[in-house]
Amino acid sequence: MYKNFSWTAVILWVVLIFYLSNQPATESNHLSKGITEVIVKTAEKVAPNTEFDIRNFNHIVRKNAHFFAYLVFGVLVASVLGRSVVHRYRIIGLALLICVLYAISDEMHQLFVPGRGAQVKDVFIDSAGASVGIGVYLVIDRIMKNRNTR
């Protein structure tokens, strides 16, 4: 049952990434600006005398969204593979391959979305996020296995 849940989580996450990538540039930018404004308002409460360049900060929020979306994707894919692949190196290699190929296909998909385009930089950001996510999975898996052997 857990294996089915893991696959479902991966598929739902892929659908979410596709949905967000399928938004035209104006809609996508509106969403990220809304998130940026919430972050800036919260930060201004913590540090009221700090000035924020909202436009530059919005770019940072957008790139971090790439990183964290693929971080979660990396954890989910590694988790699915961890249920069926025995060797850790195979988990790492296959999970990274799947995540990088999806990142490339996601950028190619954006070529067909109004106002969007493919950026190699985003594939690198996505791949870095996936790598960290796979690492997070491996650390959690190691902790859980050590806990179960005690």
N, C-alpha and C. Protein backbone atom coordinates (compact mmCIF):
# COMPACT_ATOMS: atom_id res chain seq x y z
N MET A 1 0.82 -1.19 0.00
CA MET A 1 0.00 0.00 0.00
C MET A 1 0.86 1.27 0.00
N TYR A 2 1.95 1.26 0.80
CA TYR A 2 2.83 2.42 0.87
C TYR A 2 3.45 2.70 -0.49
N LYS A 3 3.75 1.61 -1.23
CA LYS A 3 4.35 1.78 -2.56
C LYS A 3 3.37 2.49 -3.50
N ASN A 4 2.10 2.12 -3.42
CA ASN A 4 1.08 2.78 -4.25
C ASN A 4 0.94 4.25 -3.88
N PHE A 5 0.99 4.54 -2.58
CA PHE A 5 0.92 5.93 -2.13
C PHE A 5 2.12 6.72 -2.66
N SER A 6 3.29 6.11 -2.63
CA SER A 6 4.50 6.78 -3.11
C SER A 6 4.39 7.12 -4.60
N TRP A 7 3.90 6.16 -5.39
CA TRP A 7 3.73 6.42 -6.82
C TRP A 7 2.68 7.50 -7.05
N THR A 8 1.62 7.46 -6.28
CA THR A 8 0.57 8.48 -6.40
C THR A 8 1.13 9.86 -6.10
N ALA A 9 1.96 9.96 -5.06
CA ALA A 9 2.57 11.25 -4.70
C ALA A 9 3.46 11.76 -5.83
N VAL A 10 4.24 10.87 -6.45
CA VAL A 10 5.11 11.27 -7.57
C VAL A 10 4.26 11.78 -8.73
N ILE A 11 3.22 11.05 -9.07
CA ILE A 11 2.38 11.43 -10.20
C ILE A 11 1.68 12.77 -9.93
N LEU A 12 1.16 12.94 -8.72
CA LEU A 12 0.52 14.21 -8.38
C LEU A 12 1.51 15.36 -8.43
N TRP A 13 2.74 15.13 -8.00
CA TRP A 13 3.75 16.20 -8.02
C TRP A 13 4.12 16.56 -9.46
N VAL A 14 4.23 15.56 -10.32
CA VAL A 14 4.52 15.81 -11.74
C VAL A 14 3.39 16.63 -12.35
N VAL A 15 2.15 16.29 -12.02
CA VAL A 15 1.00 17.03 -12.53
C VAL A 15 1.04 18.48 -12.04
N LEU A 16 1.39 18.68 -10.77
CA LEU A 16 1.49 20.04 -10.22
C LEU A 16 2.57 20.85 -10.96
N ILE A 17 3.73 20.26 -11.17
CA ILE A 17 4.80 20.96 -11.90
C ILE A 17 4.33 21.30 -13.31
N PHE A 18 3.68 20.34 -13.97
CA PHE A 18 3.18 20.58 -15.33
C PHE A 18 2.15 21.71 -15.32
N TYR A 19 1.24 21.68 -14.36
CA TYR A 19 0.20 22.72 -14.26
C TYR A 19 0.84 24.10 -14.09
N LEU A 20 1.81 24.21 -13.20
CA LEU A 20 2.45 25.50 -12.97
C LEU A 20 3.25 25.96 -14.19
N SER A 21 3.87 25.02 -14.88
CA SER A 21 4.63 25.36 -16.09
C SER A 21 3.73 25.72 -17.26
N ASN A 22 2.50 25.26 -17.21
CA ASN A 22 1.56 25.50 -18.30
C ASN A 22 0.88 26.86 -18.19
N GLN A 23 1.11 27.58 -17.09
CA GLN A 23 0.51 28.90 -16.92
C GLN A 23 1.22 29.90 -17.84
N PRO A 24 0.45 30.73 -18.54
CA PRO A 24 1.08 31.79 -19.34
C PRO A 24 1.92 32.69 -18.44
N ALA A 25 2.87 33.38 -19.01
CA ALA A 25 3.81 34.20 -18.25
C ALA A 25 3.11 35.19 -17.32
N THR A 26 2.06 35.85 -17.82
CA THR A 26 1.38 36.85 -16.99
C THR A 26 0.74 36.22 -15.76
N GLU A 27 0.12 35.06 -15.94
CA GLU A 27 -0.52 34.36 -14.83
C GLU A 27 0.52 33.85 -13.84
N SER A 28 1.59 33.27 -14.35
CA SER A 28 2.67 32.76 -13.50
C SER A 28 3.32 33.89 -12.71
N ASN A 29 3.56 35.01 -13.38
CA ASN A 29 4.19 36.16 -12.71
C ASN A 29 3.26 36.73 -11.64
N HIS A 30 1.96 36.75 -11.92
CA HIS A 30 0.99 37.25 -10.94
C HIS A 30 1.02 36.38 -9.67
N LEU A 31 1.09 35.06 -9.85
CA LEU A 31 1.16 34.14 -8.72
C LEU A 31 2.43 34.38 -7.90
N SER A 32 3.57 34.48 -8.57
CA SER A 32 4.82 34.66 -7.83
C SER A 32 4.90 36.03 -7.18
N LYS A 33 4.31 37.05 -7.80
CA LYS A 33 4.29 38.38 -7.18
C LYS A 33 3.45 38.36 -5.90
N GLY A 34 2.34 37.61 -5.92
CA GLY A 34 1.51 37.48 -4.72
C GLY A 34 2.29 36.83 -3.59
N ILE A 35 3.04 35.79 -3.91
CA ILE A 35 3.87 35.12 -2.90
C ILE A 35 4.97 36.05 -2.42
N THR A 36 5.59 36.78 -3.34
CA THR A 36 6.64 37.73 -2.99
C THR A 36 6.11 38.80 -2.04
N GLU A 37 4.92 39.32 -2.32
CA GLU A 37 4.34 40.36 -1.46
C GLU A 37 4.10 39.84 -0.06
N VAL A 38 3.64 38.63 0.08
CA VAL A 38 3.43 38.04 1.40
C VAL A 38 4.76 37.92 2.15
N ILE A 39 5.78 37.48 1.45
CA ILE A 39 7.10 37.33 2.08
C ILE A 39 7.65 38.69 2.49
N VAL A 40 7.52 39.69 1.61
CA VAL A 40 8.04 41.03 1.91
C VAL A 40 7.29 41.64 3.09
N LYS A 41 5.97 41.51 3.12
CA LYS A 41 5.19 42.05 4.24
C LYS A 41 5.59 41.40 5.56
N THR A 42 5.80 40.10 5.53
CA THR A 42 6.23 39.39 6.73
C THR A 42 7.62 39.85 7.16
N ALA A 43 8.53 39.98 6.18
CA ALA A 43 9.89 40.42 6.49
C ALA A 43 9.90 41.85 7.02
N GLU A 44 9.03 42.71 6.50
CA GLU A 44 8.96 44.10 6.97
C GLU A 44 8.48 44.17 8.42
N LYS A 45 7.66 43.21 8.84
CA LYS A 45 7.24 43.17 10.24
C LYS A 45 8.39 42.79 11.15
N VAL A 46 9.24 41.90 10.66
CA VAL A 46 10.39 41.44 11.45
C VAL A 46 11.49 42.50 11.43
N ALA A 47 11.74 43.09 10.27
CA ALA A 47 12.80 44.10 10.12
C ALA A 47 12.18 45.32 9.43
N PRO A 48 11.48 46.18 10.18
CA PRO A 48 10.72 47.28 9.57
C PRO A 48 11.57 48.33 8.84
N ASN A 49 12.83 48.47 9.15
CA ASN A 49 13.65 49.50 8.54
C ASN A 49 14.41 49.01 7.30
N THR A 50 14.14 47.78 6.88
CA THR A 50 14.83 47.21 5.74
C THR A 50 14.06 47.49 4.45
N GLU A 51 14.76 47.92 3.42
CA GLU A 51 14.13 48.18 2.12
C GLU A 51 14.32 46.95 1.23
N PHE A 52 13.28 46.59 0.49
CA PHE A 52 13.33 45.45 -0.42
C PHE A 52 13.09 45.92 -1.84
N ASP A 53 13.93 45.42 -2.75
CA ASP A 53 13.70 45.63 -4.17
C ASP A 53 12.78 44.50 -4.63
N ILE A 54 11.49 44.81 -4.72
CA ILE A 54 10.46 43.79 -4.98
C ILE A 54 10.70 43.06 -6.28
N ARG A 55 11.12 43.76 -7.31
CA ARG A 55 11.33 43.13 -8.61
C ARG A 55 12.45 42.09 -8.54
N ASN A 56 13.57 42.47 -7.93
CA ASN A 56 14.69 41.56 -7.77
C ASN A 56 14.31 40.40 -6.85
N PHE A 57 13.59 40.71 -5.80
CA PHE A 57 13.18 39.68 -4.85
C PHE A 57 12.21 38.70 -5.51
N ASN A 58 11.35 39.18 -6.39
CA ASN A 58 10.42 38.31 -7.10
C ASN A 58 11.18 37.29 -7.95
N HIS A 59 12.26 37.73 -8.57
CA HIS A 59 13.09 36.82 -9.37
C HIS A 59 13.68 35.72 -8.48
N ILE A 60 14.13 36.10 -7.31
CA ILE A 60 14.70 35.14 -6.35
C ILE A 60 13.63 34.14 -5.91
N VAL A 61 12.43 34.63 -5.65
CA VAL A 61 11.32 33.75 -5.25
C VAL A 61 11.02 32.75 -6.37
N ARG A 62 11.00 33.22 -7.60
CA ARG A 62 10.70 32.33 -8.74
C ARG A 62 11.76 31.24 -8.88
N LYS A 63 13.01 31.59 -8.74
CA LYS A 63 14.08 30.59 -8.89
C LYS A 63 14.09 29.63 -7.71
N ASN A 64 13.78 30.13 -6.52
CA ASN A 64 13.68 29.24 -5.36
C ASN A 64 12.51 28.28 -5.50
N ALA A 65 11.45 28.73 -6.15
CA ALA A 65 10.31 27.84 -6.39
C ALA A 65 10.74 26.65 -7.25
N HIS A 66 11.57 26.92 -8.26
CA HIS A 66 12.12 25.83 -9.08
C HIS A 66 12.89 24.86 -8.20
N PHE A 67 13.80 25.40 -7.41
CA PHE A 67 14.66 24.57 -6.56
C PHE A 67 13.83 23.70 -5.63
N PHE A 68 12.88 24.31 -4.91
CA PHE A 68 12.13 23.55 -3.91
C PHE A 68 11.13 22.59 -4.53
N ALA A 69 10.57 22.93 -5.69
CA ALA A 69 9.67 21.99 -6.37
C ALA A 69 10.42 20.72 -6.75
N TYR A 70 11.63 20.88 -7.22
CA TYR A 70 12.42 19.71 -7.62
C TYR A 70 13.09 19.04 -6.43
N LEU A 71 13.30 19.76 -5.35
CA LEU A 71 13.78 19.13 -4.11
C LEU A 71 12.73 18.10 -3.66
N VAL A 72 11.47 18.52 -3.61
CA VAL A 72 10.39 17.61 -3.23
C VAL A 72 10.29 16.46 -4.24
N PHE A 73 10.39 16.79 -5.52
CA PHE A 73 10.34 15.77 -6.56
C PHE A 73 11.45 14.74 -6.37
N GLY A 74 12.66 15.21 -6.05
CA GLY A 74 13.79 14.31 -5.81
C GLY A 74 13.52 13.38 -4.64
N VAL A 75 12.97 13.91 -3.55
CA VAL A 75 12.63 13.07 -2.38
C VAL A 75 11.61 12.02 -2.78
N LEU A 76 10.57 12.44 -3.49
CA LEU A 76 9.49 11.52 -3.86
C LEU A 76 9.99 10.42 -4.80
N VAL A 77 10.76 10.78 -5.80
CA VAL A 77 11.27 9.79 -6.76
C VAL A 77 12.23 8.83 -6.06
N ALA A 78 13.13 9.35 -5.24
CA ALA A 78 14.07 8.49 -4.52
C ALA A 78 13.31 7.55 -3.58
N SER A 79 12.26 8.04 -2.97
CA SER A 79 11.46 7.22 -2.08
C SER A 79 10.81 6.05 -2.83
N VAL A 80 10.25 6.33 -3.99
CA VAL A 80 9.65 5.27 -4.80
C VAL A 80 10.71 4.25 -5.20
N LEU A 81 11.84 4.74 -5.67
CA LEU A 81 12.90 3.83 -6.09
C LEU A 81 13.49 3.07 -4.91
N GLY A 82 13.52 3.70 -3.75
CA GLY A 82 14.05 3.04 -2.55
C GLY A 82 13.23 1.83 -2.13
N ARG A 83 11.97 1.77 -2.56
CA ARG A 83 11.10 0.64 -2.25
C ARG A 83 11.37 -0.55 -3.17
N SER A 84 12.00 -0.30 -4.33
CA SER A 84 12.18 -1.39 -5.28
C SER A 84 13.63 -1.61 -5.72
N VAL A 85 14.47 -0.61 -5.56
CA VAL A 85 15.88 -0.73 -5.96
C VAL A 85 16.72 -0.95 -4.71
N VAL A 86 17.56 -1.98 -4.75
CA VAL A 86 18.33 -2.35 -3.56
C VAL A 86 19.56 -1.47 -3.36
N HIS A 87 20.29 -1.21 -4.40
CA HIS A 87 21.57 -0.51 -4.28
C HIS A 87 21.37 1.00 -4.22
N ARG A 88 22.00 1.61 -3.24
CA ARG A 88 21.87 3.06 -3.05
C ARG A 88 22.36 3.85 -4.27
N TYR A 89 23.44 3.38 -4.90
CA TYR A 89 23.96 4.10 -6.06
C TYR A 89 22.96 4.07 -7.22
N ARG A 90 22.23 2.97 -7.34
CA ARG A 90 21.21 2.91 -8.39
C ARG A 90 20.05 3.85 -8.07
N ILE A 91 19.69 3.94 -6.80
CA ILE A 91 18.64 4.88 -6.40
C ILE A 91 19.06 6.29 -6.78
N ILE A 92 20.29 6.66 -6.43
CA ILE A 92 20.80 8.00 -6.71
C ILE A 92 20.81 8.26 -8.21
N GLY A 93 21.39 7.33 -8.96
CA GLY A 93 21.51 7.51 -10.41
C GLY A 93 20.17 7.57 -11.12
N LEU A 94 19.29 6.63 -10.81
CA LEU A 94 17.98 6.61 -11.47
C LEU A 94 17.13 7.81 -11.08
N ALA A 95 17.13 8.14 -9.80
CA ALA A 95 16.32 9.28 -9.34
C ALA A 95 16.82 10.57 -10.00
N LEU A 96 18.12 10.76 -10.05
CA LEU A 96 18.66 11.96 -10.66
C LEU A 96 18.35 11.99 -12.16
N LEU A 97 18.49 10.85 -12.82
CA LEU A 97 18.18 10.78 -14.26
C LEU A 97 16.72 11.14 -14.52
N ILE A 98 15.81 10.57 -13.74
CA ILE A 98 14.38 10.86 -13.92
C ILE A 98 14.11 12.34 -13.69
N CYS A 99 14.66 12.90 -12.64
CA CYS A 99 14.41 14.31 -12.31
C CYS A 99 14.99 15.25 -13.36
N VAL A 100 16.20 14.97 -13.83
CA VAL A 100 16.83 15.83 -14.83
C VAL A 100 16.09 15.75 -16.16
N LEU A 101 15.70 14.54 -16.55
CA LEU A 101 14.95 14.40 -17.80
C LEU A 101 13.60 15.11 -17.72
N TYR A 102 12.95 15.04 -16.54
CA TYR A 102 11.68 15.74 -16.41
C TYR A 102 11.91 17.25 -16.42
N ALA A 103 12.99 17.71 -15.80
CA ALA A 103 13.30 19.15 -15.82
C ALA A 103 13.52 19.64 -17.25
N ILE A 104 14.23 18.85 -18.04
CA ILE A 104 14.45 19.21 -19.45
C ILE A 104 13.12 19.23 -20.21
N SER A 105 12.30 18.20 -20.00
CA SER A 105 11.02 18.16 -20.71
C SER A 105 10.11 19.30 -20.25
N ASP A 106 10.20 19.67 -18.99
CA ASP A 106 9.40 20.78 -18.47
C ASP A 106 9.80 22.10 -19.14
N GLU A 107 11.08 22.32 -19.31
CA GLU A 107 11.55 23.53 -19.98
C GLU A 107 11.16 23.52 -21.46
N MET A 108 11.24 22.35 -22.10
CA MET A 108 10.82 22.25 -23.50
C MET A 108 9.32 22.53 -23.62
N HIS A 109 8.55 22.05 -22.68
CA HIS A 109 7.10 22.28 -22.66
C HIS A 109 6.81 23.78 -22.61
N GLN A 110 7.61 24.52 -21.87
CA GLN A 110 7.38 25.96 -21.71
C GLN A 110 7.60 26.73 -23.02
N LEU A 111 8.26 26.12 -23.98
CA LEU A 111 8.41 26.76 -25.29
C LEU A 111 7.07 26.96 -25.98
N PHE A 112 6.09 26.16 -25.58
CA PHE A 112 4.77 26.21 -26.21
C PHE A 112 3.74 26.95 -25.37
N VAL A 113 4.18 27.58 -24.28
CA VAL A 113 3.28 28.32 -23.40
C VAL A 113 3.48 29.81 -23.67
N PRO A 114 2.39 30.55 -23.88
CA PRO A 114 2.50 31.98 -24.20
C PRO A 114 3.34 32.77 -23.19
N GLY A 115 4.35 33.46 -23.70
CA GLY A 115 5.19 34.31 -22.86
C GLY A 115 6.28 33.58 -22.10
N ARG A 116 6.31 32.27 -22.20
CA ARG A 116 7.31 31.49 -21.48
C ARG A 116 8.38 31.02 -22.45
N GLY A 117 9.46 30.50 -21.92
CA GLY A 117 10.54 29.99 -22.75
C GLY A 117 11.35 28.98 -21.96
N ALA A 118 12.20 28.27 -22.65
CA ALA A 118 13.07 27.29 -22.02
C ALA A 118 14.37 27.98 -21.60
N GLN A 119 14.81 27.67 -20.39
CA GLN A 119 16.06 28.23 -19.90
C GLN A 119 16.93 27.12 -19.33
N VAL A 120 18.13 27.01 -19.86
CA VAL A 120 19.08 26.01 -19.38
C VAL A 120 19.37 26.24 -17.90
N LYS A 121 19.42 27.51 -17.51
CA LYS A 121 19.68 27.86 -16.10
C LYS A 121 18.65 27.20 -15.18
N ASP A 122 17.39 27.17 -15.62
CA ASP A 122 16.34 26.56 -14.81
C ASP A 122 16.53 25.05 -14.68
N VAL A 123 17.03 24.40 -15.73
CA VAL A 123 17.32 22.97 -15.65
C VAL A 123 18.40 22.72 -14.60
N PHE A 124 19.40 23.58 -14.55
CA PHE A 124 20.45 23.43 -13.53
C PHE A 124 19.90 23.66 -12.12
N ILE A 125 19.04 24.66 -11.98
CA ILE A 125 18.42 24.92 -10.67
C ILE A 125 17.55 23.74 -10.26
N ASP A 126 16.74 23.24 -11.20
CA ASP A 126 15.89 22.08 -10.93
C ASP A 126 16.74 20.86 -10.54
N SER A 127 17.81 20.64 -11.27
CA SER A 127 18.69 19.50 -11.00
C SER A 127 19.37 19.62 -9.65
N ALA A 128 19.75 20.83 -9.29
CA ALA A 128 20.35 21.04 -7.96
C ALA A 128 19.33 20.74 -6.87
N GLY A 129 18.10 21.21 -7.05
CA GLY A 129 17.04 20.92 -6.09
C GLY A 129 16.79 19.43 -5.97
N ALA A 130 16.72 18.74 -7.11
CA ALA A 130 16.50 17.29 -7.10
C ALA A 130 17.65 16.58 -6.39
N SER A 131 18.88 17.03 -6.63
CA SER A 131 20.04 16.42 -5.97
C SER A 131 19.96 16.56 -4.46
N VAL A 132 19.60 17.74 -4.01
CA VAL A 132 19.44 17.96 -2.56
C VAL A 132 18.31 17.08 -2.03
N GLY A 133 17.21 17.00 -2.76
CA GLY A 133 16.09 16.17 -2.35
C GLY A 133 16.47 14.70 -2.23
N ILE A 134 17.23 14.21 -3.20
CA ILE A 134 17.70 12.82 -3.15
C ILE A 134 18.60 12.63 -1.94
N GLY A 135 19.46 13.62 -1.67
CA GLY A 135 20.31 13.56 -0.48
C GLY A 135 19.49 13.55 0.81
N VAL A 136 18.45 14.36 0.86
CA VAL A 136 17.56 14.38 2.03
C VAL A 136 16.93 13.01 2.21
N TYR A 137 16.46 12.42 1.13
CA TYR A 137 15.88 11.07 1.23
C TYR A 137 16.90 10.09 1.79
N LEU A 138 18.12 10.11 1.27
CA LEU A 138 19.15 9.17 1.71
C LEU A 138 19.47 9.33 3.20
N VAL A 139 19.53 10.57 3.65
CA VAL A 139 19.79 10.82 5.09
C VAL A 139 18.64 10.28 5.94
N ILE A 140 17.42 10.60 5.55
CA ILE A 140 16.25 10.13 6.31
C ILE A 140 16.18 8.60 6.28
N ASP A 141 16.45 8.01 5.13
CA ASP A 141 16.43 6.55 5.00
C ASP A 141 17.48 5.92 5.91
N ARG A 142 18.65 6.52 5.97
CA ARG A 142 19.73 5.99 6.83
C ARG A 142 19.33 6.09 8.31
N ILE A 143 18.77 7.21 8.68
CA ILE A 143 18.32 7.39 10.07
C ILE A 143 17.25 6.36 10.43
N MET A 144 16.30 6.15 9.53
CA MET A 144 15.23 5.19 9.79
C MET A 144 15.77 3.76 9.88
N LYS A 145 16.70 3.40 9.03
CA LYS A 145 17.28 2.07 9.08
C LYS A 145 18.09 1.86 10.35
N ASN A 146 18.84 2.91 10.77
CA ASN A 146 19.60 2.81 12.02
C ASN A 146 18.67 2.68 13.21
N ARG A 147 17.57 3.41 13.19
CA ARG A 147 16.58 3.35 14.27
C ARG A 147 15.95 1.95 14.34
N ASN A 148 15.68 1.35 13.19
CA ASN A 148 15.03 0.04 13.16
C ASN A 148 15.97 -1.09 13.56
N THR A 149 17.29 -0.92 13.40
CA THR A 149 18.24 -1.96 13.78
C THR A 149 18.55 -1.95 15.26
N ARG A 150 18.17 -0.90 15.97
CA ARG A 150 18.45 -0.83 17.41
C ARG A 150 17.50 -1.65 18.17
